[in-house]
Amino acid sequence: MIASIKGEIINKGEDYLVLQVGGVGLMVHAPEIVTLNSKTGDIANLFTHLVVREDNLSLYGFEYAEQCEMFKMLIRVNGIGPRTALAVISTLSTDMIYQAVISNQPSIFSTVPGIGNKTSQKIILYLQDRLKASIDEGVIGTVHDINSDLMDALVGLGYSVIEAQTAIQSIPKDSQGDLEERIRLALRYFSA
């Protein structure tokens, strides 16, 4: 299994990067935020998961280990393939996924392109028991409330839900600022 990969970005697309590792170019499918923030010539270090199919080997890469673990859980849900799981990770932060599962809010998953009500319910049912044991609900709830308010503010400023979520994911994980500070950081993403 390929657990991580580090290499120079020699090409990129909307949902993938091509990393040169030891003279070999490897295509790594990645969340939108990773591909948007990457430039050709940069060195990328990604946590990865190899999906093996009868006729295809596909490598999926993530900036954080928790995103990779969430991806692995999502592809175990009946009816969720790697592309849909990648869309979930691209659209929703892991904190929002945790919050949606804990508070039983399938409507949050419905914001992901290609996921309807039935699939949202399947995700909630599958992940509920697996996530509840490993989550401190108070911490996740606080992060969600700030991100929820931030999402509302950005949408109120005219950005789409996907643009707002991408900006929220671009905010450093260790950022503990209040709502105003997080809005400033999100707006900095749009000005870059």
C-alpha atoms as a PDB file:
ATOM      1  CA  MET A   1       0.000   0.000   0.000  1.00  0.00           C
ATOM      2  CA  ILE A   2       1.222   3.511  -0.778  1.00  0.00           C
ATOM      3  CA  ALA A   3       0.621   5.524   2.420  1.00  0.00           C
ATOM      4  CA  SER A   4       2.163   8.827   1.349  1.00  0.00           C
ATOM      5  CA  ILE A   5       3.923  10.411  -1.566  1.00  0.00           C
ATOM      6  CA  LYS A   6       6.291  13.341  -1.968  1.00  0.00           C
ATOM      7  CA  GLY A   7       7.321  14.732  -5.302  1.00  0.00           C
ATOM      8  CA  GLU A   8       7.515  17.681  -7.652  1.00  0.00           C
ATOM      9  CA  ILE A   9       4.287  18.738  -9.338  1.00  0.00           C
ATOM     10  CA  ILE A  10       4.908  18.534 -13.085  1.00  0.00           C
ATOM     11  CA  ASN A  11       1.290  18.874 -14.224  1.00  0.00           C
ATOM     12  CA  LYS A  12      -2.118  19.452 -12.722  1.00  0.00           C
ATOM     13  CA  GLY A  13      -5.769  19.360 -13.615  1.00  0.00           C
ATOM     14  CA  GLU A  14      -9.026  20.238 -11.911  1.00  0.00           C
ATOM     15  CA  ASP A  15      -9.002  17.143  -9.708  1.00  0.00           C
ATOM     16  CA  TYR A  16      -5.519  15.689 -10.022  1.00  0.00           C
ATOM     17  CA  LEU A  17      -1.808  16.390  -9.737  1.00  0.00           C
ATOM     18  CA  VAL A  18       0.993  14.618 -11.568  1.00  0.00           C
ATOM     19  CA  LEU A  19       3.934  14.185  -9.202  1.00  0.00           C
ATOM     20  CA  GLN A  20       7.380  13.220 -10.404  1.00  0.00           C
ATOM     21  CA  VAL A  21       8.796  10.681  -7.983  1.00  0.00           C
ATOM     22  CA  GLY A  22      12.082   8.989  -8.833  1.00  0.00           C
ATOM     23  CA  GLY A  23      11.746   9.747 -12.541  1.00  0.00           C
ATOM     24  CA  VAL A  24       8.160   8.445 -12.727  1.00  0.00           C
ATOM     25  CA  GLY A  25       5.123  10.711 -13.092  1.00  0.00           C
ATOM     26  CA  LEU A  26       2.287   9.534 -10.853  1.00  0.00           C
ATOM     27  CA  MET A  27      -1.253  10.852 -11.273  1.00  0.00           C
ATOM     28  CA  VAL A  28      -2.773  11.549  -7.860  1.00  0.00           C
ATOM     29  CA  HIS A  29      -6.439  12.507  -7.636  1.00  0.00           C
ATOM     30  CA  ALA A  30      -6.806  15.202  -4.975  1.00  0.00           C
ATOM     31  CA  PRO A  31      -9.452  17.459  -3.425  1.00  0.00           C
ATOM     32  CA  GLU A  32     -10.141  20.718  -5.222  1.00  0.00           C
ATOM     33  CA  ILE A  33      -8.490  22.815  -2.509  1.00  0.00           C
ATOM     34  CA  VAL A  34      -5.212  20.910  -2.982  1.00  0.00           C
ATOM     35  CA  THR A  35      -5.188  21.308  -6.759  1.00  0.00           C
ATOM     36  CA  LEU A  36      -6.161  24.995  -6.572  1.00  0.00           C
ATOM     37  CA  ASN A  37      -3.366  25.802  -4.120  1.00  0.00           C
ATOM     38  CA  SER A  38      -0.698  23.827  -5.998  1.00  0.00           C
ATOM     39  CA  LYS A  39       1.594  25.180  -8.678  1.00  0.00           C
ATOM     40  CA  THR A  40       3.742  23.376 -11.196  1.00  0.00           C
ATOM     41  CA  GLY A  41       7.238  23.105  -9.752  1.00  0.00           C
ATOM     42  CA  ASP A  42       6.075  22.944  -6.120  1.00  0.00           C
ATOM     43  CA  ILE A  43       6.910  19.960  -3.951  1.00  0.00           C
ATOM     44  CA  ALA A  44       3.767  18.197  -2.714  1.00  0.00           C
ATOM     45  CA  ASN A  45       3.621  15.859   0.258  1.00  0.00           C
ATOM     46  CA  LEU A  46       0.326  13.959   0.348  1.00  0.00           C
ATOM     47  CA  PHE A  47      -1.222  11.175   2.412  1.00  0.00           C
ATOM     48  CA  THR A  48      -2.515   8.642  -0.084  1.00  0.00           C
ATOM     49  CA  HIS A  49      -4.855   5.737  -0.604  1.00  0.00           C
ATOM     50  CA  LEU A  50      -4.529   3.352  -3.548  1.00  0.00           C
ATOM     51  CA  VAL A  51      -7.841   2.155  -4.990  1.00  0.00           C
ATOM     52  CA  VAL A  52      -7.446  -1.138  -6.841  1.00  0.00           C
ATOM     53  CA  ARG A  53     -10.043  -2.089  -9.433  1.00  0.00           C
ATOM     54  CA  GLU A  54     -10.041  -4.948 -11.890  1.00  0.00           C
ATOM     55  CA  ASP A  55      -8.881  -2.706 -14.732  1.00  0.00           C
ATOM     56  CA  ASN A  56      -7.486   0.335 -12.921  1.00  0.00           C
ATOM     57  CA  LEU A  57      -5.151   1.483 -10.147  1.00  0.00           C
ATOM     58  CA  SER A  58      -5.997   4.982  -8.895  1.00  0.00           C
ATOM     59  CA  LEU A  59      -4.080   6.949  -6.307  1.00  0.00           C
ATOM     60  CA  TYR A  60      -5.919   9.518  -4.164  1.00  0.00           C
ATOM     61  CA  GLY A  61      -3.944  12.083  -2.185  1.00  0.00           C
ATOM     62  CA  PHE A  62      -4.829  14.368   0.720  1.00  0.00           C
ATOM     63  CA  GLU A  63      -3.111  17.172   2.550  1.00  0.00           C
ATOM     64  CA  TYR A  64      -4.017  15.811   5.997  1.00  0.00           C
ATOM     65  CA  ALA A  65      -4.109  12.265   7.361  1.00  0.00           C
ATOM     66  CA  GLU A  66      -7.620  12.800   8.768  1.00  0.00           C
ATOM     67  CA  GLN A  67      -8.911  13.582   5.252  1.00  0.00           C
ATOM     68  CA  CYS A  68      -7.382  10.358   3.985  1.00  0.00           C
ATOM     69  CA  GLU A  69      -8.985   8.373   6.821  1.00  0.00           C
ATOM     70  CA  MET A  70     -12.358   9.997   6.116  1.00  0.00           C
ATOM     71  CA  PHE A  71     -11.978   9.112   2.421  1.00  0.00           C
ATOM     72  CA  LYS A  72     -11.339   5.464   3.364  1.00  0.00           C
ATOM     73  CA  MET A  73     -14.488   5.420   5.503  1.00  0.00           C
ATOM     74  CA  LEU A  74     -16.603   7.068   2.819  1.00  0.00           C
ATOM     75  CA  ILE A  75     -15.663   4.589   0.096  1.00  0.00           C
ATOM     76  CA  ARG A  76     -16.888   1.781   2.364  1.00  0.00           C
ATOM     77  CA  VAL A  77     -20.414   3.226   2.253  1.00  0.00           C
ATOM     78  CA  ASN A  78     -22.581   1.271  -0.185  1.00  0.00           C
ATOM     79  CA  GLY A  79     -23.032   3.354  -3.346  1.00  0.00           C
ATOM     80  CA  ILE A  80     -20.115   5.732  -2.673  1.00  0.00           C
ATOM     81  CA  GLY A  81     -17.204   5.343  -5.048  1.00  0.00           C
ATOM     82  CA  PRO A  82     -13.836   7.068  -4.896  1.00  0.00           C
ATOM     83  CA  ARG A  83     -14.937   9.978  -7.115  1.00  0.00           C
ATOM     84  CA  THR A  84     -17.977  10.702  -4.942  1.00  0.00           C
ATOM     85  CA  ALA A  85     -15.918  10.370  -1.754  1.00  0.00           C
ATOM     86  CA  LEU A  86     -13.404  12.829  -3.229  1.00  0.00           C
ATOM     87  CA  ALA A  87     -16.279  15.223  -4.013  1.00  0.00           C
ATOM     88  CA  VAL A  88     -17.404  15.005  -0.376  1.00  0.00           C
ATOM     89  CA  ILE A  89     -13.884  15.799   0.877  1.00  0.00           C
ATOM     90  CA  SER A  90     -13.607  18.638  -1.685  1.00  0.00           C
ATOM     91  CA  THR A  91     -16.935  20.178  -0.663  1.00  0.00           C
ATOM     92  CA  LEU A  92     -17.061  19.574   3.098  1.00  0.00           C
ATOM     93  CA  SER A  93     -14.361  19.901   5.723  1.00  0.00           C
ATOM     94  CA  THR A  94     -13.830  16.897   7.979  1.00  0.00           C
ATOM     95  CA  ASP A  95     -15.234  18.972  10.853  1.00  0.00           C
ATOM     96  CA  MET A  96     -18.449  19.528   8.903  1.00  0.00           C
ATOM     97  CA  ILE A  97     -18.665  15.813   8.090  1.00  0.00           C
ATOM     98  CA  TYR A  98     -18.250  14.934  11.775  1.00  0.00           C
ATOM     99  CA  GLN A  99     -20.893  17.477  12.759  1.00  0.00           C
ATOM    100  CA  ALA A 100     -23.346  16.262  10.115  1.00  0.00           C
ATOM    101  CA  VAL A 101     -22.973  12.676  11.330  1.00  0.00           C
ATOM    102  CA  ILE A 102     -23.149  13.460  15.051  1.00  0.00           C
ATOM    103  CA  SER A 103     -26.160  15.771  14.727  1.00  0.00           C
ATOM    104  CA  ASN A 104     -27.839  13.531  12.122  1.00  0.00           C
ATOM    105  CA  GLN A 105     -28.059  16.228   9.441  1.00  0.00           C
ATOM    106  CA  PRO A 106     -28.094  14.480   6.049  1.00  0.00           C
ATOM    107  CA  SER A 107     -28.942  17.788   4.366  1.00  0.00           C
ATOM    108  CA  ILE A 108     -25.290  18.822   4.770  1.00  0.00           C
ATOM    109  CA  PHE A 109     -24.239  15.969   2.464  1.00  0.00           C
ATOM    110  CA  SER A 110     -26.889  17.013  -0.055  1.00  0.00           C
ATOM    111  CA  THR A 111     -24.776  20.105  -0.824  1.00  0.00           C
ATOM    112  CA  VAL A 112     -22.233  17.789  -2.475  1.00  0.00           C
ATOM    113  CA  PRO A 113     -22.812  17.430  -6.238  1.00  0.00           C
ATOM    114  CA  GLY A 114     -24.099  13.946  -7.064  1.00  0.00           C
ATOM    115  CA  ILE A 115     -25.361  13.091  -3.574  1.00  0.00           C
ATOM    116  CA  GLY A 116     -29.086  12.916  -2.938  1.00  0.00           C
ATOM    117  CA  ASN A 117     -31.181  12.267   0.154  1.00  0.00           C
ATOM    118  CA  LYS A 118     -30.879   8.462   0.068  1.00  0.00           C
ATOM    119  CA  THR A 119     -27.113   8.514  -0.241  1.00  0.00           C
ATOM    120  CA  SER A 120     -26.875  11.160   2.490  1.00  0.00           C
ATOM    121  CA  GLN A 121     -28.840   8.890   4.820  1.00  0.00           C
ATOM    122  CA  LYS A 122     -26.562   5.945   3.962  1.00  0.00           C
ATOM    123  CA  ILE A 123     -23.487   8.011   4.820  1.00  0.00           C
ATOM    124  CA  ILE A 124     -24.976   9.092   8.154  1.00  0.00           C
ATOM    125  CA  LEU A 125     -25.997   5.543   9.097  1.00  0.00           C
ATOM    126  CA  TYR A 126     -22.645   4.041   8.159  1.00  0.00           C
ATOM    127  CA  LEU A 127     -20.487   6.660   9.861  1.00  0.00           C
ATOM    128  CA  GLN A 128     -22.515   7.277  13.040  1.00  0.00           C
ATOM    129  CA  ASP A 129     -21.173   4.402  15.122  1.00  0.00           C
ATOM    130  CA  ARG A 130     -17.684   4.653  13.650  1.00  0.00           C
ATOM    131  CA  LEU A 131     -17.254   8.336  14.418  1.00  0.00           C
ATOM    132  CA  LYS A 132     -19.090   8.780  17.731  1.00  0.00           C
ATOM    133  CA  ALA A 133     -16.571   6.722  19.684  1.00  0.00           C
ATOM    134  CA  SER A 134     -13.625   8.801  18.482  1.00  0.00           C
ATOM    135  CA  ILE A 135     -15.020  12.336  18.689  1.00  0.00           C
ATOM    136  CA  ASP A 136     -15.069  14.902  21.449  1.00  0.00           C
ATOM    137  CA  GLU A 137     -18.467  16.399  20.563  1.00  0.00           C
ATOM    138  CA  GLY A 138     -17.786  19.705  22.324  1.00  0.00           C
ATOM    139  CA  VAL A 139     -14.720  20.525  20.235  1.00  0.00           C
ATOM    140  CA  ILE A 140     -16.337  19.525  16.944  1.00  0.00           C
ATOM    141  CA  GLY A 141     -19.486  21.478  17.813  1.00  0.00           C
ATOM    142  CA  THR A 142     -17.512  24.676  18.444  1.00  0.00           C
ATOM    143  CA  VAL A 143     -15.580  24.397  15.181  1.00  0.00           C
ATOM    144  CA  HIS A 144     -18.799  23.720  13.291  1.00  0.00           C
ATOM    145  CA  ASP A 145     -20.563  26.746  14.796  1.00  0.00           C
ATOM    146  CA  ILE A 146     -17.741  29.069  13.742  1.00  0.00           C
ATOM    147  CA  ASN A 147     -17.521  27.497  10.282  1.00  0.00           C
ATOM    148  CA  SER A 148     -21.300  27.586   9.916  1.00  0.00           C
ATOM    149  CA  ASP A 149     -21.357  31.300  10.730  1.00  0.00           C
ATOM    150  CA  LEU A 150     -18.419  31.846   8.393  1.00  0.00           C
ATOM    151  CA  MET A 151     -20.224  29.943   5.619  1.00  0.00           C
ATOM    152  CA  ASP A 152     -23.335  32.104   6.113  1.00  0.00           C
ATOM    153  CA  ALA A 153     -21.235  35.280   6.002  1.00  0.00           C
ATOM    154  CA  LEU A 154     -19.421  34.293   2.790  1.00  0.00           C
ATOM    155  CA  VAL A 155     -22.646  33.209   1.068  1.00  0.00           C
ATOM    156  CA  GLY A 156     -24.177  36.524   2.183  1.00  0.00           C
ATOM    157  CA  LEU A 157     -21.289  38.289   0.437  1.00  0.00           C
ATOM    158  CA  GLY A 158     -22.266  36.575  -2.830  1.00  0.00           C
ATOM    159  CA  TYR A 159     -19.948  33.562  -2.929  1.00  0.00           C
ATOM    160  CA  SER A 160     -21.388  30.145  -3.796  1.00  0.00           C
ATOM    161  CA  VAL A 161     -21.545  27.406  -1.147  1.00  0.00           C
ATOM    162  CA  ILE A 162     -18.709  25.525  -2.876  1.00  0.00           C
ATOM    163  CA  GLU A 163     -16.547  28.669  -3.104  1.00  0.00           C
ATOM    164  CA  ALA A 164     -17.236  29.430   0.553  1.00  0.00           C
ATOM    165  CA  GLN A 165     -16.392  25.869   1.618  1.00  0.00           C
ATOM    166  CA  THR A 166     -13.160  25.941  -0.393  1.00  0.00           C
ATOM    167  CA  ALA A 167     -12.178  29.192   1.330  1.00  0.00           C
ATOM    168  CA  ILE A 168     -13.001  27.696   4.748  1.00  0.00           C
ATOM    169  CA  GLN A 169     -10.829  24.670   3.992  1.00  0.00           C
ATOM    170  CA  SER A 170      -7.959  26.988   3.041  1.00  0.00           C
ATOM    171  CA  ILE A 171      -7.871  28.440   6.572  1.00  0.00           C
ATOM    172  CA  PRO A 172      -5.001  26.823   8.503  1.00  0.00           C
ATOM    173  CA  LYS A 173      -6.171  24.104  10.919  1.00  0.00           C
ATOM    174  CA  ASP A 174      -4.301  25.689  13.824  1.00  0.00           C
ATOM    175  CA  SER A 175      -6.073  29.033  13.332  1.00  0.00           C
ATOM    176  CA  GLN A 176      -8.128  29.717  16.451  1.00  0.00           C
ATOM    177  CA  GLY A 177      -9.329  33.217  15.544  1.00  0.00           C
ATOM    178  CA  ASP A 178     -12.793  34.559  16.148  1.00  0.00           C
ATOM    179  CA  LEU A 179     -15.347  34.916  13.345  1.00  0.00           C
ATOM    180  CA  GLU A 180     -13.967  38.249  12.117  1.00  0.00           C
ATOM    181  CA  GLU A 181     -10.444  36.841  11.868  1.00  0.00           C
ATOM    182  CA  ARG A 182     -11.706  33.760  10.013  1.00  0.00           C
ATOM    183  CA  ILE A 183     -13.656  35.964   7.582  1.00  0.00           C
ATOM    184  CA  ARG A 184     -10.483  37.960   6.940  1.00  0.00           C
ATOM    185  CA  LEU A 185      -8.520  34.752   6.271  1.00  0.00           C
ATOM    186  CA  ALA A 186     -11.252  33.436   3.950  1.00  0.00           C
ATOM    187  CA  LEU A 187     -11.372  36.706   2.005  1.00  0.00           C
ATOM    188  CA  ARG A 188      -7.587  36.590   1.676  1.00  0.00           C
ATOM    189  CA  TYR A 189      -8.069  33.237  -0.092  1.00  0.00           C
ATOM    190  CA  PHE A 190     -10.342  34.890  -2.671  1.00  0.00           C
ATOM    191  CA  SER A 191      -7.926  37.760  -3.258  1.00  0.00           C
ATOM    192  CA  ALA A 192      -4.985  35.421  -3.901  1.00  0.00           C
END
